[in-house]
Amino acid sequence: MYDRVLVPMALDHGVSGTTLTAAKTLCNPGGQITALHVYEAPHSSVSAYLDEEAVRSAWDKAQQRLAEKTASHGDVTTEMVKGRSYRAILEFAEKHDVDCIVVGSHKPGLSDFFLGSTAARVIRHAPCAVHVCRTS
């Protein structure tokens, strides 16, 4: 179905296994699945109290967790970028000619209708197909 599938992963949500399994189902034989984590740097007011080593340590820890979450899913490439979640996902998808984004989403609450979750923003603005894996 798709040759290049992107799976954005929030490392603190428990939907990674579901989205990676869905990506494998949607990906053509020989296709590429990329698990992407967007590292959102601390806000400037917080950054003033953090040294470079603390920020680097957080980045390294996130890379390790991403590798752990994808380890049992075979040939999945991992990538990390810095930025705002939905913007970074869309930019990555455009830059790498992604055919499908497999994104996890919780059931929308009232705040999601006013503010929009990351998944909702990706769905509205994606340059490709989007498959949503809904959690309860």
C-alpha atoms as a PDB file:
ATOM      1  CA  MET A   1       0.000   0.000   0.000  1.00  0.00           C
ATOM      2  CA  TYR A   2       2.667   2.548   1.045  1.00  0.00           C
ATOM      3  CA  ASP A   3       6.422   2.698   0.523  1.00  0.00           C
ATOM      4  CA  ARG A   4       7.326   5.312   3.170  1.00  0.00           C
ATOM      5  CA  VAL A   5       5.375   5.222   6.418  1.00  0.00           C
ATOM      6  CA  LEU A   6       5.969   7.659   9.277  1.00  0.00           C
ATOM      7  CA  VAL A   7       5.008   6.805  12.854  1.00  0.00           C
ATOM      8  CA  PRO A   8       5.219   9.839  15.172  1.00  0.00           C
ATOM      9  CA  MET A   9       5.764   8.633  18.732  1.00  0.00           C
ATOM     10  CA  ALA A  10       5.162  10.403  22.009  1.00  0.00           C
ATOM     11  CA  LEU A  11       7.327   8.365  24.357  1.00  0.00           C
ATOM     12  CA  ASP A  12       5.031   8.827  27.340  1.00  0.00           C
ATOM     13  CA  HIS A  13       1.929   7.398  25.610  1.00  0.00           C
ATOM     14  CA  GLY A  14       1.219   3.678  25.467  1.00  0.00           C
ATOM     15  CA  VAL A  15       0.123   3.479  21.833  1.00  0.00           C
ATOM     16  CA  SER A  16       3.529   2.837  20.194  1.00  0.00           C
ATOM     17  CA  GLY A  17       3.048  -0.896  19.733  1.00  0.00           C
ATOM     18  CA  THR A  18      -0.338  -0.384  18.094  1.00  0.00           C
ATOM     19  CA  THR A  19       0.868   2.293  15.688  1.00  0.00           C
ATOM     20  CA  LEU A  20       4.006   0.356  14.716  1.00  0.00           C
ATOM     21  CA  THR A  21       1.941  -2.792  14.070  1.00  0.00           C
ATOM     22  CA  ALA A  22      -0.487  -0.788  11.926  1.00  0.00           C
ATOM     23  CA  ALA A  23       2.444   0.704  10.013  1.00  0.00           C
ATOM     24  CA  LYS A  24       3.807  -2.779   9.254  1.00  0.00           C
ATOM     25  CA  THR A  25       0.401  -3.782   7.906  1.00  0.00           C
ATOM     26  CA  LEU A  26       0.189  -0.682   5.697  1.00  0.00           C
ATOM     27  CA  CYS A  27       3.774  -0.783   4.433  1.00  0.00           C
ATOM     28  CA  ASN A  28       4.644  -2.504   1.146  1.00  0.00           C
ATOM     29  CA  PRO A  29       7.263  -5.265   1.235  1.00  0.00           C
ATOM     30  CA  GLY A  30      10.624  -3.535   1.030  1.00  0.00           C
ATOM     31  CA  GLY A  31       9.083  -0.249   2.189  1.00  0.00           C
ATOM     32  CA  GLN A  32      10.482   1.951   4.963  1.00  0.00           C
ATOM     33  CA  ILE A  33       8.914   2.596   8.352  1.00  0.00           C
ATOM     34  CA  THR A  34      10.313   5.537  10.306  1.00  0.00           C
ATOM     35  CA  ALA A  35       9.502   6.076  13.973  1.00  0.00           C
ATOM     36  CA  LEU A  36       9.814   9.788  14.735  1.00  0.00           C
ATOM     37  CA  HIS A  37      10.021  11.427  18.129  1.00  0.00           C
ATOM     38  CA  VAL A  38       9.774  15.188  18.346  1.00  0.00           C
ATOM     39  CA  TYR A  39      11.794  16.552  21.246  1.00  0.00           C
ATOM     40  CA  GLU A  40      10.198  19.733  22.466  1.00  0.00           C
ATOM     41  CA  ALA A  41      12.909  21.789  24.118  1.00  0.00           C
ATOM     42  CA  PRO A  42      12.061  23.320  27.480  1.00  0.00           C
ATOM     43  CA  HIS A  43      10.480  26.771  27.314  1.00  0.00           C
ATOM     44  CA  SER A  44      12.899  29.665  27.602  1.00  0.00           C
ATOM     45  CA  SER A  45      11.793  30.457  31.153  1.00  0.00           C
ATOM     46  CA  VAL A  46      12.735  26.918  32.194  1.00  0.00           C
ATOM     47  CA  SER A  47      15.872  26.748  30.045  1.00  0.00           C
ATOM     48  CA  ALA A  48      17.385  29.576  32.058  1.00  0.00           C
ATOM     49  CA  TYR A  49      17.648  27.135  34.978  1.00  0.00           C
ATOM     50  CA  LEU A  50      19.005  24.152  33.035  1.00  0.00           C
ATOM     51  CA  ASP A  51      22.594  23.627  32.037  1.00  0.00           C
ATOM     52  CA  GLU A  52      23.592  22.166  28.674  1.00  0.00           C
ATOM     53  CA  GLU A  53      24.366  18.803  30.208  1.00  0.00           C
ATOM     54  CA  ALA A  54      20.792  18.434  31.560  1.00  0.00           C
ATOM     55  CA  VAL A  55      19.325  19.172  28.125  1.00  0.00           C
ATOM     56  CA  ARG A  56      21.765  16.783  26.402  1.00  0.00           C
ATOM     57  CA  SER A  57      20.963  14.097  28.984  1.00  0.00           C
ATOM     58  CA  ALA A  58      17.222  14.465  28.323  1.00  0.00           C
ATOM     59  CA  TRP A  59      17.841  14.177  24.558  1.00  0.00           C
ATOM     60  CA  ASP A  60      19.961  11.035  25.068  1.00  0.00           C
ATOM     61  CA  LYS A  61      17.343   9.500  27.352  1.00  0.00           C
ATOM     62  CA  ALA A  62      14.627  10.158  24.749  1.00  0.00           C
ATOM     63  CA  GLN A  63      16.759   8.498  22.041  1.00  0.00           C
ATOM     64  CA  GLN A  64      17.225   5.473  24.272  1.00  0.00           C
ATOM     65  CA  ARG A  65      13.483   5.175  24.982  1.00  0.00           C
ATOM     66  CA  LEU A  66      12.711   5.485  21.263  1.00  0.00           C
ATOM     67  CA  ALA A  67      15.162   2.671  20.498  1.00  0.00           C
ATOM     68  CA  GLU A  68      13.630   0.511  23.249  1.00  0.00           C
ATOM     69  CA  LYS A  69      10.073   1.062  21.968  1.00  0.00           C
ATOM     70  CA  THR A  70      11.008   0.095  18.412  1.00  0.00           C
ATOM     71  CA  ALA A  71      13.466  -2.744  19.168  1.00  0.00           C
ATOM     72  CA  SER A  72      10.908  -5.546  18.958  1.00  0.00           C
ATOM     73  CA  HIS A  73       9.362  -4.274  15.720  1.00  0.00           C
ATOM     74  CA  GLY A  74      12.045  -5.355  13.282  1.00  0.00           C
ATOM     75  CA  ASP A  75      13.389  -3.062  10.606  1.00  0.00           C
ATOM     76  CA  VAL A  76      12.168   0.333  11.825  1.00  0.00           C
ATOM     77  CA  THR A  77      14.349   3.398  11.383  1.00  0.00           C
ATOM     78  CA  THR A  78      14.314   5.857  14.285  1.00  0.00           C
ATOM     79  CA  GLU A  79      14.648   9.623  13.956  1.00  0.00           C
ATOM     80  CA  MET A  80      14.515  12.465  16.451  1.00  0.00           C
ATOM     81  CA  VAL A  81      13.988  16.114  15.675  1.00  0.00           C
ATOM     82  CA  LYS A  82      13.541  19.233  17.768  1.00  0.00           C
ATOM     83  CA  GLY A  83      10.517  21.473  17.470  1.00  0.00           C
ATOM     84  CA  ARG A  84       6.778  21.761  17.984  1.00  0.00           C
ATOM     85  CA  SER A  85       5.176  18.348  17.587  1.00  0.00           C
ATOM     86  CA  TYR A  86       2.676  18.776  14.790  1.00  0.00           C
ATOM     87  CA  ARG A  87       4.824  21.186  12.764  1.00  0.00           C
ATOM     88  CA  ALA A  88       7.882  18.950  13.004  1.00  0.00           C
ATOM     89  CA  ILE A  89       5.851  15.888  11.968  1.00  0.00           C
ATOM     90  CA  LEU A  90       4.451  17.674   8.917  1.00  0.00           C
ATOM     91  CA  GLU A  91       7.845  19.106   7.928  1.00  0.00           C
ATOM     92  CA  PHE A  92       9.479  15.690   8.250  1.00  0.00           C
ATOM     93  CA  ALA A  93       6.729  14.083   6.148  1.00  0.00           C
ATOM     94  CA  GLU A  94       7.127  16.667   3.394  1.00  0.00           C
ATOM     95  CA  LYS A  95      10.926  16.592   3.398  1.00  0.00           C
ATOM     96  CA  HIS A  96      11.077  12.785   3.214  1.00  0.00           C
ATOM     97  CA  ASP A  97       8.177  12.241   0.764  1.00  0.00           C
ATOM     98  CA  VAL A  98       6.210  10.163   3.265  1.00  0.00           C
ATOM     99  CA  ASP A  99       3.224   8.310   1.760  1.00  0.00           C
ATOM    100  CA  CYS A 100       1.325   7.678   5.009  1.00  0.00           C
ATOM    101  CA  ILE A 101       1.481   8.879   8.609  1.00  0.00           C
ATOM    102  CA  VAL A 102       0.259   6.435  11.273  1.00  0.00           C
ATOM    103  CA  VAL A 103      -0.632   8.457  14.332  1.00  0.00           C
ATOM    104  CA  GLY A 104      -2.099   7.485  17.689  1.00  0.00           C
ATOM    105  CA  SER A 105      -4.952   9.468  19.159  1.00  0.00           C
ATOM    106  CA  HIS A 106      -7.003   9.403  22.320  1.00  0.00           C
ATOM    107  CA  LYS A 107     -10.747   9.960  22.221  1.00  0.00           C
ATOM    108  CA  PRO A 108     -11.212  13.691  21.791  1.00  0.00           C
ATOM    109  CA  GLY A 109     -12.420  15.666  24.750  1.00  0.00           C
ATOM    110  CA  LEU A 110     -14.020  19.093  24.780  1.00  0.00           C
ATOM    111  CA  SER A 111     -10.635  20.854  24.935  1.00  0.00           C
ATOM    112  CA  ASP A 112      -9.544  19.076  21.726  1.00  0.00           C
ATOM    113  CA  PHE A 113     -12.395  20.675  19.809  1.00  0.00           C
ATOM    114  CA  PHE A 114     -11.227  24.134  20.829  1.00  0.00           C
ATOM    115  CA  LEU A 115      -7.441  23.676  20.931  1.00  0.00           C
ATOM    116  CA  GLY A 116      -6.836  20.710  18.652  1.00  0.00           C
ATOM    117  CA  SER A 117      -4.641  17.791  19.575  1.00  0.00           C
ATOM    118  CA  THR A 118      -1.424  17.008  17.739  1.00  0.00           C
ATOM    119  CA  ALA A 119      -3.169  14.170  15.887  1.00  0.00           C
ATOM    120  CA  ALA A 120      -6.011  16.443  14.798  1.00  0.00           C
ATOM    121  CA  ARG A 121      -3.589  19.029  13.446  1.00  0.00           C
ATOM    122  CA  VAL A 122      -1.598  16.379  11.588  1.00  0.00           C
ATOM    123  CA  ILE A 123      -4.812  15.006  10.069  1.00  0.00           C
ATOM    124  CA  ARG A 124      -5.940  18.456   8.900  1.00  0.00           C
ATOM    125  CA  HIS A 125      -2.629  19.525   7.354  1.00  0.00           C
ATOM    126  CA  ALA A 126      -0.798  16.345   6.285  1.00  0.00           C
ATOM    127  CA  PRO A 127       0.590  16.228   2.741  1.00  0.00           C
ATOM    128  CA  CYS A 128      -0.257  12.503   2.539  1.00  0.00           C
ATOM    129  CA  ALA A 129      -2.636   9.822   3.807  1.00  0.00           C
ATOM    130  CA  VAL A 130      -3.087   9.564   7.582  1.00  0.00           C
ATOM    131  CA  HIS A 131      -4.120   6.451   9.475  1.00  0.00           C
ATOM    132  CA  VAL A 132      -5.371   7.056  13.031  1.00  0.00           C
ATOM    133  CA  CYS A 133      -5.055   4.424  15.747  1.00  0.00           C
ATOM    134  CA  ARG A 134      -7.578   5.336  18.410  1.00  0.00           C
ATOM    135  CA  THR A 135      -6.938   4.478  22.077  1.00  0.00           C
ATOM    136  CA  SER A 136      -9.647   4.311  24.682  1.00  0.00           C
END
